[in-house]
Every structure is written in C-alpha cells, then in structure tokens.
Protein backbone atom coordinates (compact mmCIF):
# COMPACT_ATOMS: atom_id res chain seq x y z
CA UNK A 1 8.57 14.52 19.43
CA UNK A 2 11.45 12.27 18.38
CA UNK A 3 10.20 9.15 16.62
CA UNK A 4 12.04 6.03 15.45
CA UNK A 5 10.49 3.82 12.77
CA UNK A 6 11.75 0.29 12.03
CA UNK A 7 10.49 -1.39 8.86
CA UNK A 8 10.38 -1.22 5.09
CA UNK A 9 11.12 2.13 3.41
CA UNK A 10 11.38 3.25 -0.22
CA UNK A 11 10.28 -0.16 -1.55
CA UNK A 12 7.11 -1.37 -3.26
CA UNK A 13 5.76 -3.29 -0.24
CA UNK A 14 2.57 -2.46 1.62
CA UNK A 15 4.49 -2.04 4.87
CA UNK A 16 6.72 0.56 3.20
CA UNK A 17 3.69 2.50 2.01
CA UNK A 18 2.40 2.64 5.58
CA UNK A 19 5.77 3.57 7.09
CA UNK A 20 6.42 6.29 4.54
CA UNK A 21 2.98 7.87 4.76
CA UNK A 22 3.03 8.24 8.52
CA UNK A 23 6.79 8.93 8.73
CA UNK A 24 6.78 11.78 6.22
CA UNK A 25 3.60 13.13 7.82
CA UNK A 26 5.33 13.17 11.23
CA UNK A 27 8.04 15.35 9.68
CA UNK A 28 5.44 17.62 8.07
CA UNK A 29 3.83 18.02 11.50
CA UNK A 30 7.16 19.18 12.92
CA UNK A 31 8.46 16.02 14.59
CA UNK A 32 11.91 14.45 14.22
CA UNK A 33 12.14 11.03 12.57
CA UNK A 34 14.86 8.41 12.20
CA UNK A 35 14.13 5.36 10.04
CA UNK A 36 15.81 1.96 10.49
CA UNK A 37 15.27 -0.19 7.41
CA UNK A 38 16.48 -3.18 5.39
CA UNK A 39 19.85 -3.50 3.69
CA UNK A 40 19.53 -2.89 -0.05
CA UNK A 41 20.39 -6.52 -0.78
CA UNK A 42 17.70 -7.87 1.58
CA UNK A 43 14.52 -5.82 1.19
CA UNK A 44 10.85 -6.36 1.96
CA UNK A 45 9.21 -5.97 -1.44
CA UNK A 46 10.39 -6.56 -4.98
CA UNK A 47 12.27 -3.31 -5.68
CA UNK A 48 13.62 -0.09 -4.21
CA UNK A 49 11.54 2.70 -5.74
CA UNK A 50 12.91 5.87 -4.16
CA UNK A 51 16.03 7.65 -2.98
CA UNK A 52 16.77 7.37 0.74
CA UNK A 53 16.42 10.53 2.79
CA UNK A 54 19.23 11.60 5.11
CA UNK A 55 17.31 10.26 8.13
CA UNK A 56 17.19 6.70 6.74
CA UNK A 57 19.63 4.04 8.00
CA UNK A 58 19.87 0.61 6.31
CA UNK A 59 20.95 -1.74 9.06
CA UNK A 60 19.31 -5.21 8.98
CA UNK A 61 18.16 -8.11 6.79
CA UNK A 62 14.86 -9.83 6.28
CA UNK A 63 13.92 -12.45 8.86
CA UNK A 64 14.01 -15.00 6.03
CA UNK A 65 17.61 -14.23 5.07
CA UNK A 66 19.98 -17.20 5.10
CA UNK A 67 22.02 -15.47 7.81
CA UNK A 68 19.79 -12.87 9.49
CA UNK A 69 21.68 -9.78 10.59
CA UNK A 70 21.02 -6.59 12.53
CA UNK A 71 23.46 -3.81 13.33
CA UNK A 72 22.84 -2.79 16.95
CA UNK A 73 24.60 0.58 17.15
CA UNK A 74 22.16 2.58 15.00
CA UNK A 75 19.36 1.68 17.42
CA UNK A 76 21.47 2.44 20.49
CA UNK A 77 23.15 5.65 19.33
CA UNK A 78 20.14 7.59 17.99
CA UNK A 79 17.63 9.47 20.09
CA UNK A 80 13.91 8.73 19.94
CA UNK A 81 11.10 8.91 22.48
CA UNK A 82 8.77 6.59 20.56
CA UNK A 83 9.75 3.49 18.61
CA UNK A 84 7.40 2.10 15.94
CA UNK A 85 7.97 -1.37 14.48
CA UNK A 86 6.23 -2.11 11.17
CA UNK A 87 5.43 -5.69 10.12
CA UNK A 88 7.45 -7.49 12.80
CA UNK A 89 7.32 -10.86 11.04
CA UNK A 90 9.57 -9.54 8.24
CA UNK A 91 12.25 -8.37 10.71
CA UNK A 92 15.10 -10.33 12.35
CA UNK A 93 13.10 -10.74 15.55
CA UNK A 94 15.60 -12.59 17.71
CA UNK A 95 18.32 -10.06 16.93
CA UNK A 96 15.96 -7.20 17.79
CA UNK A 97 14.97 -9.05 20.95
CA UNK A 98 18.56 -8.93 22.23
CA UNK A 99 18.58 -5.11 22.31
CA UNK A 100 14.88 -4.51 22.94
CA UNK A 101 15.38 -3.90 26.67
CA UNK A 102 17.74 -1.04 25.80
CA UNK A 103 15.19 0.43 23.39
CA UNK A 104 12.49 0.16 26.10
CA UNK A 105 14.66 2.23 28.45
CA UNK A 106 14.59 5.21 26.12
CA UNK A 107 11.27 4.96 24.28
CA UNK A 108 7.65 3.89 24.32
CA UNK A 109 7.33 0.96 21.93
CA UNK A 110 4.56 0.42 19.39
CA UNK A 111 4.16 -2.36 16.84
CA UNK A 112 1.95 -2.06 13.74
CA UNK A 113 0.45 -5.44 12.84
CA UNK A 114 0.34 -6.23 9.12
CA UNK A 115 -0.17 -10.00 9.50
CA UNK A 116 -3.65 -11.35 8.83
CA UNK A 117 -3.70 -13.88 11.66
CA UNK A 118 -1.86 -14.91 14.81
CA UNK A 119 1.69 -16.14 14.21
CA UNK A 120 2.93 -19.55 15.36
CA UNK A 121 6.58 -18.46 15.65
CA UNK A 122 7.36 -17.93 19.40
CA UNK A 123 9.91 -15.25 18.46
CA UNK A 124 7.01 -12.99 17.50
CA UNK A 125 5.79 -12.83 21.11
CA UNK A 126 9.01 -12.02 22.99
CA UNK A 127 8.40 -8.25 23.01
CA UNK A 128 6.69 -6.30 25.77
CA UNK A 129 4.95 -3.65 23.66
CA UNK A 130 3.47 -0.53 25.17
CA UNK A 131 0.89 -0.52 22.37
CA UNK A 132 -0.20 -2.64 19.42
CA UNK A 133 -1.75 -0.90 16.42
CA UNK A 134 -4.02 -2.63 13.89
CA UNK A 135 -6.03 -1.32 10.96
CA UNK A 136 -9.63 -2.35 11.75
CA UNK A 137 -11.86 -4.51 13.95
CA UNK A 138 -11.08 -7.67 11.98
CA UNK A 139 -7.47 -7.49 13.20
CA UNK A 140 -8.59 -6.51 16.71
CA UNK A 141 -10.79 -9.59 16.98
CA UNK A 142 -7.93 -12.04 16.52
CA UNK A 143 -5.27 -10.00 18.31
CA UNK A 144 -7.30 -9.85 21.53
CA UNK A 145 -7.05 -13.65 21.72
CA UNK A 146 -3.33 -13.35 22.41
CA UNK A 147 -2.76 -9.82 23.76
CA UNK A 148 -4.34 -7.71 26.52
CA UNK A 149 -7.16 -5.74 24.92
CA UNK A 150 -6.14 -2.51 26.65
CA UNK A 151 -2.92 -2.26 24.63
CA UNK A 152 -4.57 -2.86 21.22
CA UNK A 153 -5.51 0.29 19.29
CA UNK A 154 -7.25 0.64 15.92
CA UNK A 155 -5.69 3.25 13.62
CA UNK A 156 -6.75 2.90 9.95
CA UNK A 157 -4.30 2.53 7.07
CA UNK A 158 -3.45 5.96 5.63
CA UNK A 159 -4.03 7.26 2.10
CA UNK A 160 -1.90 9.48 -0.05
CA UNK A 161 -3.52 12.94 -0.18
CA UNK A 162 -6.07 13.78 -2.86
CA UNK A 163 -4.39 14.82 -6.10
CA UNK A 164 -7.21 13.90 -8.46
CA UNK A 165 -7.96 17.35 -9.82
CA UNK A 166 -10.86 19.72 -9.24
CA UNK A 167 -13.82 18.80 -11.41
CA UNK A 168 -14.28 16.85 -14.62
CA UNK A 169 -12.62 19.37 -16.93
CA UNK A 170 -9.51 19.61 -14.76
CA UNK A 171 -9.30 15.82 -14.61
CA UNK A 172 -9.56 15.53 -18.41
CA UNK A 173 -6.85 18.16 -18.88
CA UNK A 174 -4.49 16.28 -16.54
CA UNK A 175 -5.30 12.99 -18.32
CA UNK A 176 -4.38 14.43 -21.73
CA UNK A 177 -1.17 16.01 -20.40
CA UNK A 178 -0.04 12.75 -18.80
CA UNK A 179 -0.89 10.64 -21.85
CA UNK A 180 1.14 12.96 -24.06
CA UNK A 181 4.05 12.89 -21.60
CA UNK A 182 3.94 9.08 -21.34
CA UNK A 183 3.45 8.51 -25.07
CA UNK A 184 0.01 6.95 -24.63
CA UNK A 185 -2.86 7.19 -27.14
CA UNK A 186 -5.56 9.82 -26.65
CA UNK A 187 -8.26 7.79 -28.43
CA UNK A 188 -8.29 4.66 -26.23
CA UNK A 189 -9.82 3.76 -22.89
CA UNK A 190 -6.85 2.77 -20.75
CA UNK A 191 -7.12 0.01 -18.13
CA UNK A 192 -4.05 0.13 -15.89
CA UNK A 193 -2.35 -2.69 -13.93
CA UNK A 194 0.99 -2.48 -12.16
CA UNK A 195 3.38 -4.41 -9.95
CA UNK A 196 3.36 -8.12 -9.10
CA UNK A 197 -0.44 -8.24 -8.71
CA UNK A 198 -0.86 -7.37 -12.40
CA UNK A 199 -0.44 -11.09 -13.12
CA UNK A 200 -3.92 -11.76 -11.72
CA UNK A 201 -5.49 -9.35 -14.19
CA UNK A 202 -4.56 -11.72 -17.01
CA UNK A 203 -7.22 -14.12 -15.68
CA UNK A 204 -9.92 -11.70 -16.86
CA UNK A 205 -8.47 -10.88 -20.26
CA UNK A 206 -11.41 -12.46 -22.11
CA UNK A 207 -13.82 -10.02 -20.45
CA UNK A 208 -11.60 -7.06 -21.29
CA UNK A 209 -11.28 -8.27 -24.86
CA UNK A 210 -15.07 -8.41 -25.18
CA UNK A 211 -15.37 -4.83 -23.94
CA UNK A 212 -12.85 -3.77 -26.59
CA UNK A 213 -15.58 -4.28 -29.23
CA UNK A 214 -17.63 -1.39 -27.80
CA UNK A 215 -14.91 0.63 -26.09
CA UNK A 216 -11.53 0.66 -27.90
CA UNK A 217 -9.12 -0.33 -25.12
CA UNK A 218 -5.49 -0.28 -24.21
CA UNK A 219 -4.52 -2.61 -21.36
CA UNK A 220 -1.43 -0.96 -19.87
CA UNK A 221 0.70 -3.27 -17.70
CA UNK A 222 3.64 -1.70 -15.85
CA UNK A 223 5.78 -4.22 -13.97
CA UNK A 224 9.08 -6.03 -13.77
CA UNK A 225 7.58 -9.08 -12.09
CA UNK A 226 8.67 -12.10 -14.21
CA UNK A 227 5.44 -14.11 -13.94
CA UNK A 228 3.28 -11.09 -14.69
CA UNK A 229 5.38 -10.20 -17.73
CA UNK A 230 5.30 -13.76 -19.02
CA UNK A 231 1.52 -14.08 -18.70
CA UNK A 232 0.82 -10.79 -20.46
CA UNK A 233 3.45 -11.43 -23.15
CA UNK A 234 1.67 -14.65 -24.09
CA UNK A 235 -1.64 -12.82 -24.33
CA UNK A 236 -0.10 -9.97 -26.31
CA UNK A 237 1.40 -12.41 -28.81
CA UNK A 238 -1.87 -14.32 -29.16
CA UNK A 239 -3.79 -11.08 -29.77
CA UNK A 240 -1.28 -9.16 -31.86
CA UNK A 241 -3.95 -8.43 -34.48
CA UNK A 242 -5.88 -6.06 -32.19
CA UNK A 243 -2.89 -4.46 -30.38
CA UNK A 244 -4.78 -4.23 -27.12
CA UNK A 245 -1.91 -4.84 -24.65
CA UNK A 246 1.06 -2.60 -23.91
CA UNK A 247 3.81 -3.75 -21.51
CA UNK A 248 6.28 -1.44 -19.79
CA UNK A 249 9.03 -2.97 -17.67
CA UNK A 250 9.22 -0.49 -14.81
CA UNK A 251 9.00 -0.26 -11.04
CA UNK A 252 7.63 3.30 -10.95
CA UNK A 253 8.25 5.58 -7.99
CA UNK A 254 5.20 7.37 -6.60
CA UNK A 255 5.49 10.34 -8.95
CA UNK A 256 5.69 8.14 -12.04
CA UNK A 257 2.94 5.85 -10.71
CA UNK A 258 0.58 8.81 -10.35
CA UNK A 259 1.29 9.92 -13.91
CA UNK A 260 0.15 6.48 -15.07
CA UNK A 261 -2.94 6.69 -12.86
CA UNK A 262 -3.84 10.16 -14.15
CA UNK A 263 -3.44 8.93 -17.72
CA UNK A 264 -5.67 5.88 -17.16
CA UNK A 265 -9.43 5.46 -17.06
CA UNK A 266 -9.36 2.83 -14.31
CA UNK A 267 -7.07 0.75 -12.13
CA UNK A 268 -7.84 -2.98 -12.34
CA UNK A 269 -7.07 -5.12 -9.27
CA UNK A 270 -7.95 -8.82 -9.44
CA UNK A 271 -5.84 -10.14 -6.54
CA UNK A 272 -7.31 -13.11 -4.60
CA UNK A 273 -6.73 -13.77 -0.90
CA UNK A 274 -6.13 -16.86 1.20
CA UNK A 275 -9.11 -18.21 3.15
CA UNK A 276 -9.50 -17.09 6.78
CA UNK A 277 -6.96 -14.30 6.40
CA UNK A 278 -7.53 -10.67 7.35
CA UNK A 279 -5.77 -8.13 5.16
CA UNK A 280 -5.97 -4.74 3.47
CA UNK A 281 -4.94 -3.57 0.01
CA UNK A 282 -2.05 -1.14 0.34
CA UNK A 283 -2.43 -0.63 -3.42
CA UNK A 284 -5.83 0.97 -2.85
CA UNK A 285 -4.57 3.33 -0.16
CA UNK A 286 -1.59 4.21 -2.30
CA UNK A 287 -3.67 4.97 -5.41
CA UNK A 288 -7.07 6.33 -4.31
CA UNK A 289 -5.73 9.89 -4.06
CA UNK A 290 -5.10 9.95 -7.81
CA UNK A 291 -8.82 10.06 -8.55
CA UNK A 292 -8.42 7.05 -10.87
CA UNK A 293 -11.40 4.71 -10.22
CA UNK A 294 -10.42 1.29 -8.89
CA UNK A 295 -12.23 -1.85 -10.03
CA UNK A 296 -11.33 -4.69 -7.67
CA UNK A 297 -12.17 -8.31 -7.09
CA UNK A 298 -14.35 -8.66 -3.99
CA UNK A 299 -12.02 -10.02 -1.29
CA UNK A 300 -10.79 -9.29 2.23
CA UNK A 301 -8.26 -6.92 0.64
CA UNK A 302 -11.00 -4.42 -0.17
CA UNK A 303 -14.03 -5.39 1.91
CA UNK A 304 -13.63 -2.29 4.12
CA UNK A 305 -13.85 -0.09 1.00
CA UNK A 306 -17.40 -0.89 -0.08
CA UNK A 307 -18.88 2.14 -1.81
CA UNK A 308 -15.40 3.68 -2.09
CA UNK A 309 -14.24 1.53 -5.02
CA UNK A 310 -15.97 -0.78 -7.50
CA UNK A 311 -16.04 -4.42 -6.37
CA UNK A 312 -17.08 -7.45 -8.40
CA UNK A 313 -17.71 -11.15 -7.79
CA UNK A 314 -18.87 -12.28 -11.23
CA UNK A 315 -17.80 -11.55 -14.78
CA UNK A 316 -21.05 -9.68 -15.33
CA UNK A 317 -20.37 -7.45 -12.31
CA UNK A 318 -16.87 -6.80 -13.64
CA UNK A 319 -18.25 -5.85 -17.04
CA UNK A 320 -20.93 -3.52 -15.60
CA UNK A 321 -18.38 -1.86 -13.28
CA UNK A 322 -16.02 -1.06 -16.14
CA UNK A 323 -18.91 0.23 -18.28
CA UNK A 324 -20.01 2.45 -15.37
CA UNK A 325 -16.55 4.03 -15.27
CA UNK A 326 -16.40 4.50 -19.03
CA UNK A 327 -19.87 6.07 -19.14
CA UNK A 328 -19.30 8.18 -15.99
CA UNK A 329 -22.84 7.36 -14.89
CA UNK A 330 -24.59 8.04 -11.59
CA UNK A 331 -22.84 5.15 -9.85
CA UNK A 332 -19.47 6.46 -11.01
CA UNK A 333 -20.19 9.95 -9.67
CA UNK A 334 -21.28 8.55 -6.30
CA UNK A 335 -18.19 6.37 -5.96
CA UNK A 336 -15.84 9.20 -6.90
CA UNK A 337 -17.53 11.45 -4.34
CA UNK A 338 -17.11 8.76 -1.68
CA UNK A 339 -13.51 8.14 -2.72
CA UNK A 340 -12.51 11.75 -2.25
CA UNK A 341 -14.22 12.00 1.14
CA UNK A 342 -12.52 8.79 2.29
CA UNK A 343 -9.08 9.94 1.11
CA UNK A 344 -9.41 13.25 2.92
CA UNK A 345 -10.55 11.57 6.15
CA UNK A 346 -7.73 8.98 6.02
CA UNK A 347 -4.91 11.20 4.79
CA UNK A 348 -1.39 10.51 5.97
CA UNK A 349 -1.50 13.65 8.10
CA UNK A 350 -4.75 12.66 9.82
CA UNK A 351 -3.50 9.14 10.52
CA UNK A 352 -0.16 10.50 11.78
CA UNK A 353 -2.11 12.71 14.18
CA UNK A 354 -3.84 9.61 15.55
CA UNK A 355 -0.42 8.10 16.27
CA UNK A 356 0.62 11.31 18.02
CA UNK A 357 -2.52 11.08 20.15
CA UNK A 358 -1.57 7.50 21.03
CA UNK A 359 1.94 8.64 22.00
CA UNK A 360 0.44 11.28 24.28
CA UNK A 361 -1.75 8.64 25.94
CA UNK A 362 1.28 6.40 26.47
CA UNK A 363 3.18 9.30 28.04
CA UNK A 364 0.29 10.00 30.39
CA UNK A 365 0.07 6.34 31.41
CA UNK A 366 3.81 6.28 32.12
CA UNK A 367 3.71 9.13 34.61
C-alpha cells in the first residue's frame, strides 16, 4: 500500500510519537510511506529530536502561526492510496480544506483524534473523512455526539517495542553499562524526569528528599524547558549540601532517551490534567518498552494503564510506590510482567496492522 501521513514528525510531541511509530511500522511491513510535516521554524512540540528521512517533506506551519501556510504541490504531486491526518487541530485546517477534495479523489482519508473533547472551531468539521480513529472508548463517547458512529474506529496508541532486557541479571548489566556511558553514579538510586513535564516533578521534591534518607538518591532531570530548569535549579541550589539533583540540558532523541531510562531505577511522571478532558500519556507509550518502571500521578493521562504502571493519589501512595520499585517486591514483579505483556500487545507493528485492516475495510466499502 501507498500511505501518506500528515502531522508532526521527528519532534518531542505526542502526535509525533504516534505518527512515527505507525509510519515506521508501515515501512517495516513493506508499505510505501510519504510524510508531510511542519516547517522546522513552526513545529508541534518543543524541539526537533531526529534527522528527517528521505520520505519526509516539511511543507506547512502550525495552525497557530501568525500567517498560517501550506504548500499544496507536495500533497498533489505524490502518490498515496490512504491519507492519515494526525492531530488536525494543530494543522492549518482552512488551507488543507482548499485541496482536500483533490486528496479525496486519490485516497481514502483517515483522521487520528488527539484532542480530549469536541472542538468549537468550525474549521475542524469541514472535512468528509472516510474514517475517524481514536484511542479508547472515552474518545469514542464524545466523538459519537458529533460524527456518525459507523465511521469512528478505536485503535489504541502504540508502544515502542520491548527493549527492557531478558531477566533481572541482564537488566542490571544494561543499567551498569548505561550509567558508565552517561557518567552516572553506580551507588545511587536514580529517579528520572525529562522534557517539559519534568517541571511538575518539582512539586514532590519534599517526598523524594525524605526517601533519600533511606535510599541514597539522584534525581536526574533532562530537559531544555525553561520553567522546568528554573524550578529544579532553585531546588538544587537550596539543597546543595546533599547533592541530590543533577540537571542536563538536552532534548534527547529516542536512542539517548532509552539510555537514560536503562540507567534509571524509575521514571517519575507527575503531570496533572484539566478537568473533563480525555487524554493519554504519549510519554508512557514512548517509554514503557525500556523496562524502566513508571510512577505516575493518577490522572486521565494514565487511567487506562492501571496495573501496567504505578499510580498514586497521595504522598503516602507515592512513597510506597517508589519503595516497591527500589525493593523489587511482589508488586513490582507483577507490574513489570504486566508492562511487558502490554508493550508486546500494543507494539507499533501490531497497531500498524490494525490500521492496515481498517484500510482494507475502507477499500471493500468503496467497491
């Protein structure tokens, strides 16, 4: 099959993670892919974190750009039988709308909904999609209020494949190798935070500091986000006597990110959500395959991952979750078992196959 994908690519946004996981899996399954994505100066996300492949074309701005722009010829001069649009609200919708009838002539059209509720902007609804894809029933329940139910399809968010080692000894060996490569101490428990959401972890510093008395810690924060850096710098300065915080100003690509995850004892995710908003944590799906346990604030971001990751509501639950990871107790073993099973079931390849099945259904309906 020949597949066009329009959306974020090679950036640190959740939409890019989704696009890349299914797009690269399409290629691995033997299909042809062309990617239409944002200009480098107008990206969805905070940074470009990878080199563009030869099938990637940068040809439009964000919808929020001062002067939205879209180059029409890349869409009109490339061949594709199926056209996937990721996170429509971020795209220059009215510009896309002017050529959409030409795209419909050559391809079945599918949009992947990343928004957590129905949009008020009329531009969002000008497209006659052949199919709408959402991640779970929470999305389905609000989408069916505005769209015909027969065109809405649930396809879960994909995970990176399992790379978490085979058994405890293998995992420890990888951890030591990565710590030595990254210049990290071998005698500390490492709690890892990265990206813009690392700023929320600072809210729980007092709990982490208390744990440091029983478990010598290093809080490793890897980000270039100004607010996150500022918050952690203040804490680092105020606690210079115990040297518990290490900051690294990076936007790691996926290879580097996984080295940090392998080197760490747990990934800490304290991001809150807005009320009455449906959403998923792309961070979780991006990182679960590393085998690094994730301890996350209970929120709509992670509510579909109960039993797959640690979730806390209170400070005591946070403390007991971290201690469970450090002690590798029965709860830890159960969660890691569930994590691996979930990652394998929701691998990029398996989710890409579900899209291919949807394309086949659309072809059958069009005959």
